[in-house]
């Protein structure tokens, strides 16, 4: 997950993973030396340059609202399991 430490939507997305006891790798762009260049690269890969920018199993799922929709539909659990992630959702 690509994030910025001060972003409330990023925090909300992180909390979804915490609630499910899912360990997630978070890249805090505002705390990285190369953080300014990464959104341009993400835009070219996924079409999205905003944060949170979330990937599961190498697949781009979108941002916070996309993650929340997956969680509420029950599809997040399936995606995580398919990616080999054990969780408690």
N, C-alpha and C. Protein backbone atom coordinates (compact mmCIF):
# COMPACT_ATOMS: atom_id res chain seq x y z
N UNK A 1 0.84 -1.16 0.00
CA UNK A 1 0.00 0.00 0.00
C UNK A 1 0.89 1.23 0.00
N UNK A 2 0.58 2.15 -0.89
CA UNK A 2 1.27 3.43 -0.94
C UNK A 2 0.41 4.43 -0.19
N UNK A 3 1.04 5.18 0.69
CA UNK A 3 0.31 6.00 1.64
C UNK A 3 1.06 7.31 1.89
N UNK A 4 0.41 8.21 2.58
CA UNK A 4 1.06 9.38 3.16
C UNK A 4 0.65 9.40 4.62
N UNK A 5 1.60 9.64 5.49
CA UNK A 5 1.38 9.48 6.92
C UNK A 5 0.28 10.37 7.47
N UNK A 6 -0.01 11.48 6.84
CA UNK A 6 -1.00 12.43 7.33
C UNK A 6 -2.38 12.28 6.68
N UNK A 7 -2.53 11.33 5.78
CA UNK A 7 -3.76 11.17 5.00
C UNK A 7 -4.81 10.38 5.80
N UNK A 8 -5.99 10.98 6.04
CA UNK A 8 -7.02 10.25 6.80
C UNK A 8 -7.57 9.04 6.06
N UNK A 9 -7.60 9.07 4.74
CA UNK A 9 -8.09 7.91 3.98
C UNK A 9 -7.08 6.76 4.05
N UNK A 10 -5.81 7.11 4.08
CA UNK A 10 -4.77 6.08 4.24
C UNK A 10 -4.89 5.42 5.61
N UNK A 11 -5.13 6.23 6.62
CA UNK A 11 -5.29 5.70 7.97
C UNK A 11 -6.51 4.78 8.04
N UNK A 12 -7.57 5.18 7.40
CA UNK A 12 -8.78 4.35 7.37
C UNK A 12 -8.50 3.01 6.69
N UNK A 13 -7.76 3.04 5.58
CA UNK A 13 -7.41 1.80 4.88
C UNK A 13 -6.51 0.92 5.75
N UNK A 14 -5.54 1.52 6.41
CA UNK A 14 -4.65 0.76 7.30
C UNK A 14 -5.46 0.09 8.40
N UNK A 15 -6.46 0.80 8.91
CA UNK A 15 -7.29 0.24 9.98
C UNK A 15 -8.12 -0.95 9.52
N UNK A 16 -8.53 -0.96 8.26
CA UNK A 16 -9.24 -2.13 7.72
C UNK A 16 -8.34 -3.36 7.82
N UNK A 17 -7.09 -3.20 7.41
CA UNK A 17 -6.16 -4.33 7.47
C UNK A 17 -5.85 -4.71 8.91
N UNK A 18 -5.69 -3.73 9.78
CA UNK A 18 -5.43 -4.01 11.20
C UNK A 18 -6.58 -4.79 11.80
N UNK A 19 -7.81 -4.37 11.49
CA UNK A 19 -9.00 -5.04 12.02
C UNK A 19 -9.04 -6.50 11.59
N UNK A 20 -8.59 -6.78 10.38
CA UNK A 20 -8.55 -8.15 9.89
C UNK A 20 -7.29 -8.89 10.26
N UNK A 21 -6.44 -8.24 11.05
CA UNK A 21 -5.16 -8.82 11.47
C UNK A 21 -4.31 -9.22 10.27
N UNK A 22 -4.30 -8.33 9.27
CA UNK A 22 -3.55 -8.56 8.04
C UNK A 22 -2.31 -7.67 8.06
N UNK A 23 -1.16 -8.30 7.95
CA UNK A 23 0.09 -7.54 7.88
C UNK A 23 0.21 -6.95 6.47
N UNK A 24 0.42 -5.67 6.39
CA UNK A 24 0.49 -5.00 5.10
C UNK A 24 1.78 -4.18 5.03
N UNK A 25 2.42 -4.21 3.88
CA UNK A 25 3.61 -3.40 3.65
C UNK A 25 3.13 -2.02 3.22
N UNK A 26 3.51 -1.00 3.99
CA UNK A 26 3.08 0.37 3.72
C UNK A 26 4.30 1.20 3.35
N UNK A 27 4.20 1.87 2.21
CA UNK A 27 5.23 2.80 1.76
C UNK A 27 4.71 4.21 2.01
N UNK A 28 5.25 4.89 3.00
CA UNK A 28 4.83 6.25 3.34
C UNK A 28 5.59 7.22 2.44
N UNK A 29 4.94 7.68 1.38
CA UNK A 29 5.60 8.49 0.36
C UNK A 29 6.17 9.79 0.91
N UNK A 30 5.51 10.38 1.90
CA UNK A 30 6.00 11.64 2.46
C UNK A 30 7.23 11.44 3.35
N UNK A 31 7.59 10.21 3.61
CA UNK A 31 8.76 9.93 4.45
C UNK A 31 9.90 9.27 3.65
N UNK A 32 9.72 9.22 2.34
CA UNK A 32 10.73 8.59 1.48
C UNK A 32 11.44 9.66 0.65
N UNK A 33 12.73 9.46 0.43
CA UNK A 33 13.49 10.40 -0.40
C UNK A 33 12.96 10.42 -1.83
N UNK A 34 12.51 9.29 -2.33
CA UNK A 34 12.02 9.20 -3.71
C UNK A 34 10.50 9.29 -3.79
N UNK A 35 9.86 9.67 -2.69
CA UNK A 35 8.41 9.69 -2.61
C UNK A 35 7.72 10.58 -3.61
N UNK A 36 8.38 11.64 -4.07
CA UNK A 36 7.76 12.55 -5.04
C UNK A 36 7.63 11.92 -6.42
N UNK A 37 8.53 11.02 -6.77
CA UNK A 37 8.52 10.41 -8.10
C UNK A 37 7.58 9.21 -8.19
N UNK A 38 7.27 8.60 -7.08
CA UNK A 38 6.49 7.37 -7.08
C UNK A 38 5.06 7.57 -7.61
N UNK A 39 4.34 8.64 -7.24
CA UNK A 39 2.98 8.79 -7.79
C UNK A 39 2.93 8.80 -9.32
N UNK A 40 3.93 9.36 -9.96
CA UNK A 40 3.97 9.36 -11.43
C UNK A 40 4.10 7.93 -11.96
N UNK A 41 4.92 7.13 -11.31
CA UNK A 41 5.09 5.74 -11.71
C UNK A 41 3.80 4.95 -11.47
N UNK A 42 3.16 5.19 -10.33
CA UNK A 42 1.90 4.52 -10.02
C UNK A 42 0.84 4.87 -11.05
N UNK A 43 0.80 6.13 -11.47
CA UNK A 43 -0.17 6.57 -12.47
C UNK A 43 0.02 5.81 -13.77
N UNK A 44 1.28 5.59 -14.14
CA UNK A 44 1.54 4.87 -15.39
C UNK A 44 1.19 3.38 -15.27
N UNK A 45 1.28 2.83 -14.07
CA UNK A 45 0.97 1.41 -13.86
C UNK A 45 -0.53 1.14 -13.70
N UNK A 46 -1.20 2.00 -12.93
CA UNK A 46 -2.58 1.70 -12.56
C UNK A 46 -3.59 2.76 -12.98
N UNK A 47 -3.10 3.92 -13.39
CA UNK A 47 -4.00 5.02 -13.70
C UNK A 47 -4.36 5.85 -12.49
N UNK A 48 -3.86 5.46 -11.33
CA UNK A 48 -4.16 6.17 -10.08
C UNK A 48 -2.87 6.71 -9.48
N UNK A 49 -2.84 8.01 -9.20
CA UNK A 49 -1.65 8.59 -8.58
C UNK A 49 -1.91 9.03 -7.14
N UNK A 50 -3.17 8.94 -6.69
CA UNK A 50 -3.52 9.36 -5.34
C UNK A 50 -3.29 8.23 -4.34
N UNK A 51 -3.28 8.60 -3.07
CA UNK A 51 -3.14 7.63 -1.99
C UNK A 51 -4.41 7.62 -1.16
N UNK A 52 -4.72 6.49 -0.53
CA UNK A 52 -3.97 5.25 -0.60
C UNK A 52 -4.09 4.59 -1.98
N UNK A 53 -3.04 3.93 -2.35
CA UNK A 53 -2.96 3.21 -3.61
C UNK A 53 -2.64 1.78 -3.21
N UNK A 54 -3.63 0.90 -3.31
CA UNK A 54 -3.55 -0.41 -2.66
C UNK A 54 -3.45 -1.53 -3.69
N UNK A 55 -2.54 -2.44 -3.40
CA UNK A 55 -2.33 -3.64 -4.22
C UNK A 55 -2.45 -4.86 -3.32
N UNK A 56 -3.10 -5.90 -3.84
CA UNK A 56 -3.19 -7.18 -3.13
C UNK A 56 -2.74 -8.26 -4.10
N UNK A 57 -1.71 -8.99 -3.69
CA UNK A 57 -1.19 -10.04 -4.56
C UNK A 57 -0.71 -9.51 -5.89
N UNK A 58 -0.20 -8.29 -5.91
CA UNK A 58 0.30 -7.68 -7.13
C UNK A 58 -0.79 -7.05 -7.99
N UNK A 59 -2.04 -7.17 -7.57
CA UNK A 59 -3.16 -6.62 -8.34
C UNK A 59 -3.62 -5.30 -7.72
N UNK A 60 -3.74 -4.28 -8.55
CA UNK A 60 -4.21 -2.98 -8.07
C UNK A 60 -5.69 -3.06 -7.76
N UNK A 61 -6.07 -2.68 -6.52
CA UNK A 61 -7.49 -2.70 -6.18
C UNK A 61 -8.07 -1.30 -6.06
N UNK A 62 -7.24 -0.27 -6.01
CA UNK A 62 -7.73 1.10 -5.94
C UNK A 62 -7.36 1.78 -4.65
N UNK A 63 -8.29 2.60 -4.16
CA UNK A 63 -8.05 3.40 -2.97
C UNK A 63 -8.91 2.95 -1.81
N UNK A 64 -9.12 3.85 -0.87
CA UNK A 64 -9.83 3.53 0.36
C UNK A 64 -11.27 3.10 0.10
N UNK A 65 -11.99 3.84 -0.72
CA UNK A 65 -13.40 3.48 -0.97
C UNK A 65 -13.51 2.12 -1.66
N UNK A 66 -12.54 1.81 -2.53
CA UNK A 66 -12.53 0.50 -3.19
C UNK A 66 -12.28 -0.62 -2.17
N UNK A 67 -11.36 -0.37 -1.25
CA UNK A 67 -11.06 -1.34 -0.20
C UNK A 67 -12.28 -1.56 0.69
N UNK A 68 -12.94 -0.47 1.07
CA UNK A 68 -14.13 -0.59 1.92
C UNK A 68 -15.25 -1.35 1.21
N UNK A 69 -15.40 -1.13 -0.09
CA UNK A 69 -16.42 -1.85 -0.86
C UNK A 69 -16.10 -3.34 -0.91
N UNK A 70 -14.83 -3.69 -1.10
CA UNK A 70 -14.43 -5.09 -1.10
C UNK A 70 -14.69 -5.73 0.25
N UNK A 71 -14.39 -4.99 1.32
CA UNK A 71 -14.62 -5.51 2.66
C UNK A 71 -16.11 -5.76 2.91
N UNK A 72 -16.94 -4.79 2.58
CA UNK A 72 -18.37 -4.92 2.87
C UNK A 72 -19.04 -6.00 2.02
N UNK A 73 -18.51 -6.25 0.84
CA UNK A 73 -19.08 -7.30 -0.03
C UNK A 73 -18.57 -8.70 0.30
N UNK A 74 -17.54 -8.77 1.15
CA UNK A 74 -16.95 -10.07 1.48
C UNK A 74 -15.87 -10.50 0.50
N UNK A 75 -15.64 -9.72 -0.54
CA UNK A 75 -14.66 -10.09 -1.56
C UNK A 75 -13.23 -9.88 -1.09
N UNK A 76 -13.03 -9.01 -0.10
CA UNK A 76 -11.67 -8.76 0.39
C UNK A 76 -11.06 -10.03 0.95
N UNK A 77 -11.83 -10.75 1.73
CA UNK A 77 -11.35 -12.01 2.31
C UNK A 77 -10.91 -12.97 1.21
N UNK A 78 -11.73 -13.09 0.18
CA UNK A 78 -11.41 -13.99 -0.93
C UNK A 78 -10.13 -13.56 -1.65
N UNK A 79 -9.99 -12.25 -1.86
CA UNK A 79 -8.78 -11.74 -2.54
C UNK A 79 -7.54 -12.02 -1.71
N UNK A 80 -7.65 -11.81 -0.41
CA UNK A 80 -6.50 -12.05 0.47
C UNK A 80 -6.15 -13.54 0.49
N UNK A 81 -7.15 -14.38 0.59
CA UNK A 81 -6.89 -15.82 0.58
C UNK A 81 -6.25 -16.26 -0.74
N UNK A 82 -6.73 -15.73 -1.85
CA UNK A 82 -6.17 -16.05 -3.16
C UNK A 82 -4.72 -15.60 -3.28
N UNK A 83 -4.38 -14.53 -2.55
CA UNK A 83 -3.00 -14.02 -2.56
C UNK A 83 -2.12 -14.73 -1.53
N UNK A 84 -2.71 -15.69 -0.82
CA UNK A 84 -1.94 -16.45 0.16
C UNK A 84 -1.83 -15.78 1.51
N UNK A 85 -2.71 -14.83 1.76
CA UNK A 85 -2.70 -14.09 3.04
C UNK A 85 -3.78 -14.67 3.94
N UNK A 86 -3.35 -15.13 5.11
CA UNK A 86 -4.31 -15.61 6.09
C UNK A 86 -4.80 -14.40 6.87
N UNK A 87 -6.08 -14.36 7.14
CA UNK A 87 -6.65 -13.23 7.86
C UNK A 87 -7.81 -13.67 8.72
N UNK A 88 -8.35 -12.73 9.46
CA UNK A 88 -9.47 -13.06 10.34
C UNK A 88 -10.74 -12.28 9.96
N UNK A 89 -10.87 -11.91 8.71
CA UNK A 89 -12.08 -11.21 8.27
C UNK A 89 -13.25 -12.18 8.32
